[in-house]
Amino acid sequence: MTVPNFLATAGTVVKSNLEAVGIKTDLQLIAYSTLLGKYRKQGLEAVIARWGADYGDPDAQAKPFAHCRTTGPDAKIKQLAWRNAYANPEFTDMVEKAALIEDRAERERVYIELQKKWQQDSVFGILYQFSGNKGVKDKIKNFHVSALTETRLEYVDIED
């Protein structure tokens, strides 16, 4: 299992848990830049890494993890599913369908159905989701914490 140096503690815990149920695990700690280079070429057997969506649309969450028709070099989309040699044509069809649905309720239904199926079938294990806390004085206005973006400081007001 390959882990970036800054996630050494998480790697050690996962290794311990795997070995507790009889799965022998070698832990390799490497620089994150090296890990990403190997990972993007399908060069790792198992990996612990951080990931975050680029924008706040369900497609930005679903496509990387569930869209992959083929695990070969001819794949058109080489995101996380491809990097882990995980192809599920049913999920790929669902991702493509959901991205084009204009009705909000129907789109949400398809993404929730996809998520439930993916949780049962995929090769991914989600360990945790980052959450950050920020202390802000009452006189600070228009400062918003978001997992996807940072508040542009020109939009923040400080009241006297």
C-alpha atoms as a PDB file:
ATOM      1  CA  MET A   1       0.000   0.000   0.000  1.00  0.00           C
ATOM      2  CA  THR A   2       1.458   3.327  -1.058  1.00  0.00           C
ATOM      3  CA  VAL A   3       0.843   6.399   1.072  1.00  0.00           C
ATOM      4  CA  PRO A   4       2.131   9.967   0.836  1.00  0.00           C
ATOM      5  CA  ASN A   5       4.431  10.965   3.684  1.00  0.00           C
ATOM      6  CA  PHE A   6       1.896  13.392   5.165  1.00  0.00           C
ATOM      7  CA  LEU A   7      -0.654  10.559   5.569  1.00  0.00           C
ATOM      8  CA  ALA A   8       1.762   8.201   7.354  1.00  0.00           C
ATOM      9  CA  THR A   9      -0.460   7.923  10.422  1.00  0.00           C
ATOM     10  CA  ALA A  10      -3.512   6.995   8.338  1.00  0.00           C
ATOM     11  CA  GLY A  11      -1.414   4.442   6.438  1.00  0.00           C
ATOM     12  CA  THR A  12      -0.168   2.877   9.661  1.00  0.00           C
ATOM     13  CA  VAL A  13      -3.716   2.599  11.045  1.00  0.00           C
ATOM     14  CA  VAL A  14      -5.085   1.043   7.835  1.00  0.00           C
ATOM     15  CA  LYS A  15      -2.139  -1.398   7.691  1.00  0.00           C
ATOM     16  CA  SER A  16      -2.793  -2.422  11.294  1.00  0.00           C
ATOM     17  CA  ASN A  17      -6.512  -2.907  10.640  1.00  0.00           C
ATOM     18  CA  LEU A  18      -5.878  -4.969   7.512  1.00  0.00           C
ATOM     19  CA  GLU A  19      -3.359  -7.170   9.267  1.00  0.00           C
ATOM     20  CA  ALA A  20      -5.785  -7.657  12.181  1.00  0.00           C
ATOM     21  CA  VAL A  21      -8.129  -9.446   9.747  1.00  0.00           C
ATOM     22  CA  GLY A  22      -5.332 -11.460   8.130  1.00  0.00           C
ATOM     23  CA  ILE A  23      -4.365  -9.293   5.149  1.00  0.00           C
ATOM     24  CA  LYS A  24      -0.573  -8.883   5.021  1.00  0.00           C
ATOM     25  CA  THR A  25       0.248  -5.340   3.985  1.00  0.00           C
ATOM     26  CA  ASP A  26       3.493  -3.641   3.029  1.00  0.00           C
ATOM     27  CA  LEU A  27       3.464   0.102   3.660  1.00  0.00           C
ATOM     28  CA  GLN A  28       5.475   2.357   1.357  1.00  0.00           C
ATOM     29  CA  LEU A  29       5.727   6.048   2.267  1.00  0.00           C
ATOM     30  CA  ILE A  30       6.674   8.322  -0.644  1.00  0.00           C
ATOM     31  CA  ALA A  31       6.463  11.967  -1.683  1.00  0.00           C
ATOM     32  CA  TYR A  32       2.980  12.949  -2.857  1.00  0.00           C
ATOM     33  CA  SER A  33       4.279  14.119  -6.239  1.00  0.00           C
ATOM     34  CA  THR A  34       5.840  10.682  -6.805  1.00  0.00           C
ATOM     35  CA  LEU A  35       2.654   8.936  -5.700  1.00  0.00           C
ATOM     36  CA  LEU A  36       0.521  10.985  -8.092  1.00  0.00           C
ATOM     37  CA  GLY A  37       2.841  10.287 -11.022  1.00  0.00           C
ATOM     38  CA  LYS A  38       2.641   6.532 -10.459  1.00  0.00           C
ATOM     39  CA  TYR A  39      -1.083   6.589  -9.667  1.00  0.00           C
ATOM     40  CA  ARG A  40      -1.962   8.472 -12.852  1.00  0.00           C
ATOM     41  CA  LYS A  41      -0.313   5.647 -14.844  1.00  0.00           C
ATOM     42  CA  GLN A  42      -2.179   2.838 -13.017  1.00  0.00           C
ATOM     43  CA  GLY A  43       1.116   2.057 -11.322  1.00  0.00           C
ATOM     44  CA  LEU A  44      -0.028   1.361  -7.761  1.00  0.00           C
ATOM     45  CA  GLU A  45      -1.733  -1.691  -6.300  1.00  0.00           C
ATOM     46  CA  ALA A  46      -3.298   0.098  -3.332  1.00  0.00           C
ATOM     47  CA  VAL A  47      -3.105   3.734  -2.339  1.00  0.00           C
ATOM     48  CA  ILE A  48      -4.268   6.133   0.337  1.00  0.00           C
ATOM     49  CA  ALA A  49      -4.646   9.648  -1.001  1.00  0.00           C
ATOM     50  CA  ARG A  50      -6.634  12.809  -0.544  1.00  0.00           C
ATOM     51  CA  TRP A  51      -9.046  13.997  -3.173  1.00  0.00           C
ATOM     52  CA  GLY A  52     -11.452  16.874  -3.546  1.00  0.00           C
ATOM     53  CA  ALA A  53     -13.948  17.932  -6.182  1.00  0.00           C
ATOM     54  CA  ASP A  54     -13.092  20.810  -8.474  1.00  0.00           C
ATOM     55  CA  TYR A  55     -16.596  22.281  -8.377  1.00  0.00           C
ATOM     56  CA  GLY A  56     -19.833  21.757  -6.455  1.00  0.00           C
ATOM     57  CA  ASP A  57     -21.851  19.666  -8.891  1.00  0.00           C
ATOM     58  CA  PRO A  58     -22.649  15.969  -8.318  1.00  0.00           C
ATOM     59  CA  ASP A  59     -21.002  15.155 -11.650  1.00  0.00           C
ATOM     60  CA  ALA A  60     -17.677  16.348 -10.206  1.00  0.00           C
ATOM     61  CA  GLN A  61     -18.054  13.696  -7.504  1.00  0.00           C
ATOM     62  CA  ALA A  62     -19.528  10.866  -9.577  1.00  0.00           C
ATOM     63  CA  LYS A  63     -17.470  10.945 -12.749  1.00  0.00           C
ATOM     64  CA  PRO A  64     -14.006  10.481 -11.204  1.00  0.00           C
ATOM     65  CA  PHE A  65     -15.089   7.491  -9.101  1.00  0.00           C
ATOM     66  CA  ALA A  66     -17.681   5.775 -11.311  1.00  0.00           C
ATOM     67  CA  HIS A  67     -17.077   6.620 -14.986  1.00  0.00           C
ATOM     68  CA  CYS A  68     -14.880   4.115 -16.796  1.00  0.00           C
ATOM     69  CA  ARG A  69     -15.779   1.946 -19.803  1.00  0.00           C
ATOM     70  CA  THR A  70     -12.393   0.324 -20.178  1.00  0.00           C
ATOM     71  CA  THR A  71      -9.291   0.101 -18.027  1.00  0.00           C
ATOM     72  CA  GLY A  72      -6.979  -0.050 -21.023  1.00  0.00           C
ATOM     73  CA  PRO A  73      -4.816   2.692 -22.517  1.00  0.00           C
ATOM     74  CA  ASP A  74      -7.569   3.556 -25.026  1.00  0.00           C
ATOM     75  CA  ALA A  75      -9.886   4.910 -22.302  1.00  0.00           C
ATOM     76  CA  LYS A  76     -11.237   8.366 -23.080  1.00  0.00           C
ATOM     77  CA  ILE A  77     -11.604   9.362 -19.415  1.00  0.00           C
ATOM     78  CA  LYS A  78      -8.695   8.424 -17.137  1.00  0.00           C
ATOM     79  CA  GLN A  79      -9.844   9.621 -13.758  1.00  0.00           C
ATOM     80  CA  LEU A  80      -9.887   7.744 -10.445  1.00  0.00           C
ATOM     81  CA  ALA A  81     -11.903   4.710 -11.583  1.00  0.00           C
ATOM     82  CA  TRP A  82      -9.498   4.160 -14.496  1.00  0.00           C
ATOM     83  CA  ARG A  83      -6.437   4.674 -12.284  1.00  0.00           C
ATOM     84  CA  ASN A  84      -7.735   1.882 -10.045  1.00  0.00           C
ATOM     85  CA  ALA A  85      -8.541  -0.379 -13.027  1.00  0.00           C
ATOM     86  CA  TYR A  86     -12.226  -0.296 -12.095  1.00  0.00           C
ATOM     87  CA  ALA A  87     -14.729  -0.297 -14.940  1.00  0.00           C
ATOM     88  CA  ASN A  88     -18.459  -0.691 -14.441  1.00  0.00           C
ATOM     89  CA  PRO A  89     -20.416   0.071 -17.629  1.00  0.00           C
ATOM     90  CA  GLU A  90     -23.705   0.366 -15.712  1.00  0.00           C
ATOM     91  CA  PHE A  91     -22.241   3.112 -13.520  1.00  0.00           C
ATOM     92  CA  THR A  92     -20.701   4.850 -16.519  1.00  0.00           C
ATOM     93  CA  ASP A  93     -24.122   4.907 -18.201  1.00  0.00           C
ATOM     94  CA  MET A  94     -25.691   6.319 -15.032  1.00  0.00           C
ATOM     95  CA  VAL A  95     -23.037   9.067 -14.760  1.00  0.00           C
ATOM     96  CA  GLU A  96     -23.531  10.079 -18.388  1.00  0.00           C
ATOM     97  CA  LYS A  97     -27.327  10.054 -18.026  1.00  0.00           C
ATOM     98  CA  ALA A  98     -27.370  12.018 -14.756  1.00  0.00           C
ATOM     99  CA  ALA A  99     -25.101  14.769 -16.082  1.00  0.00           C
ATOM    100  CA  LEU A 100     -27.724  15.652 -18.719  1.00  0.00           C
ATOM    101  CA  ILE A 101     -30.871  15.506 -16.576  1.00  0.00           C
ATOM    102  CA  GLU A 102     -32.397  18.958 -16.181  1.00  0.00           C
ATOM    103  CA  ASP A 103     -35.082  18.065 -13.633  1.00  0.00           C
ATOM    104  CA  ARG A 104     -33.437  18.587 -10.230  1.00  0.00           C
ATOM    105  CA  ALA A 105     -35.428  15.899  -8.373  1.00  0.00           C
ATOM    106  CA  GLU A 106     -34.824  13.279 -11.069  1.00  0.00           C
ATOM    107  CA  ARG A 107     -31.129  14.144 -11.259  1.00  0.00           C
ATOM    108  CA  GLU A 108     -30.816  13.813  -7.486  1.00  0.00           C
ATOM    109  CA  ARG A 109     -32.626  10.438  -7.598  1.00  0.00           C
ATOM    110  CA  VAL A 110     -30.218   9.051 -10.209  1.00  0.00           C
ATOM    111  CA  TYR A 111     -27.125  10.269  -8.327  1.00  0.00           C
ATOM    112  CA  ILE A 112     -28.396   8.786  -5.040  1.00  0.00           C
ATOM    113  CA  GLU A 113     -29.123   5.456  -6.765  1.00  0.00           C
ATOM    114  CA  LEU A 114     -25.638   5.523  -8.310  1.00  0.00           C
ATOM    115  CA  GLN A 115     -24.058   6.334  -4.954  1.00  0.00           C
ATOM    116  CA  LYS A 116     -25.817   3.431  -3.202  1.00  0.00           C
ATOM    117  CA  LYS A 117     -24.788   0.958  -5.908  1.00  0.00           C
ATOM    118  CA  TRP A 118     -21.235   2.325  -5.996  1.00  0.00           C
ATOM    119  CA  GLN A 119     -20.852   1.923  -2.234  1.00  0.00           C
ATOM    120  CA  GLN A 120     -21.651  -1.784  -2.615  1.00  0.00           C
ATOM    121  CA  ASP A 121     -19.628  -2.551  -5.758  1.00  0.00           C
ATOM    122  CA  SER A 122     -16.674  -0.209  -6.140  1.00  0.00           C
ATOM    123  CA  VAL A 123     -13.015  -0.773  -5.267  1.00  0.00           C
ATOM    124  CA  PHE A 124     -12.816   2.422  -3.216  1.00  0.00           C
ATOM    125  CA  GLY A 125     -12.921   2.756   0.534  1.00  0.00           C
ATOM    126  CA  ILE A 126     -13.683   6.218   1.837  1.00  0.00           C
ATOM    127  CA  LEU A 127     -11.881   6.692   5.154  1.00  0.00           C
ATOM    128  CA  TYR A 128     -12.986  10.188   6.105  1.00  0.00           C
ATOM    129  CA  GLN A 129     -14.100  13.544   4.793  1.00  0.00           C
ATOM    130  CA  PHE A 130     -12.133  16.620   5.750  1.00  0.00           C
ATOM    131  CA  SER A 131     -13.935  19.308   7.650  1.00  0.00           C
ATOM    132  CA  GLY A 132     -12.343  22.503   8.783  1.00  0.00           C
ATOM    133  CA  ASN A 133     -13.304  24.849  11.571  1.00  0.00           C
ATOM    134  CA  LYS A 134     -12.645  28.548  11.587  1.00  0.00           C
ATOM    135  CA  GLY A 135     -13.103  30.973  14.456  1.00  0.00           C
ATOM    136  CA  VAL A 136     -14.402  34.317  13.226  1.00  0.00           C
ATOM    137  CA  LYS A 137     -15.242  37.380  15.304  1.00  0.00           C
ATOM    138  CA  ASP A 138     -18.784  38.758  15.114  1.00  0.00           C
ATOM    139  CA  LYS A 139     -17.570  41.889  13.343  1.00  0.00           C
ATOM    140  CA  ILE A 140     -16.423  39.824  10.313  1.00  0.00           C
ATOM    141  CA  LYS A 141     -19.182  39.654   7.689  1.00  0.00           C
ATOM    142  CA  ASN A 142     -19.507  37.740   4.385  1.00  0.00           C
ATOM    143  CA  PHE A 143     -16.815  35.177   5.222  1.00  0.00           C
ATOM    144  CA  HIS A 144     -18.052  31.725   4.225  1.00  0.00           C
ATOM    145  CA  VAL A 145     -16.361  28.377   4.809  1.00  0.00           C
ATOM    146  CA  SER A 146     -16.759  25.907   1.953  1.00  0.00           C
ATOM    147  CA  ALA A 147     -15.072  22.583   1.265  1.00  0.00           C
ATOM    148  CA  LEU A 148     -14.785  23.535  -2.409  1.00  0.00           C
ATOM    149  CA  THR A 149     -13.725  27.166  -2.410  1.00  0.00           C
ATOM    150  CA  GLU A 150     -12.094  29.866  -0.380  1.00  0.00           C
ATOM    151  CA  THR A 151     -13.732  33.209   0.292  1.00  0.00           C
ATOM    152  CA  ARG A 152     -12.159  35.922  -1.802  1.00  0.00           C
ATOM    153  CA  LEU A 153     -10.961  38.511   0.680  1.00  0.00           C
ATOM    154  CA  GLU A 154     -12.323  41.442  -1.318  1.00  0.00           C
ATOM    155  CA  TYR A 155     -15.822  40.169  -0.442  1.00  0.00           C
ATOM    156  CA  VAL A 156     -15.173  40.113   3.317  1.00  0.00           C
ATOM    157  CA  ASP A 157     -16.284  43.077   5.383  1.00  0.00           C
ATOM    158  CA  ILE A 158     -14.992  44.068   8.824  1.00  0.00           C
ATOM    159  CA  GLU A 159     -17.425  46.159  10.802  1.00  0.00           C
ATOM    160  CA  ASP A 160     -16.170  48.747  13.311  1.00  0.00           C
END
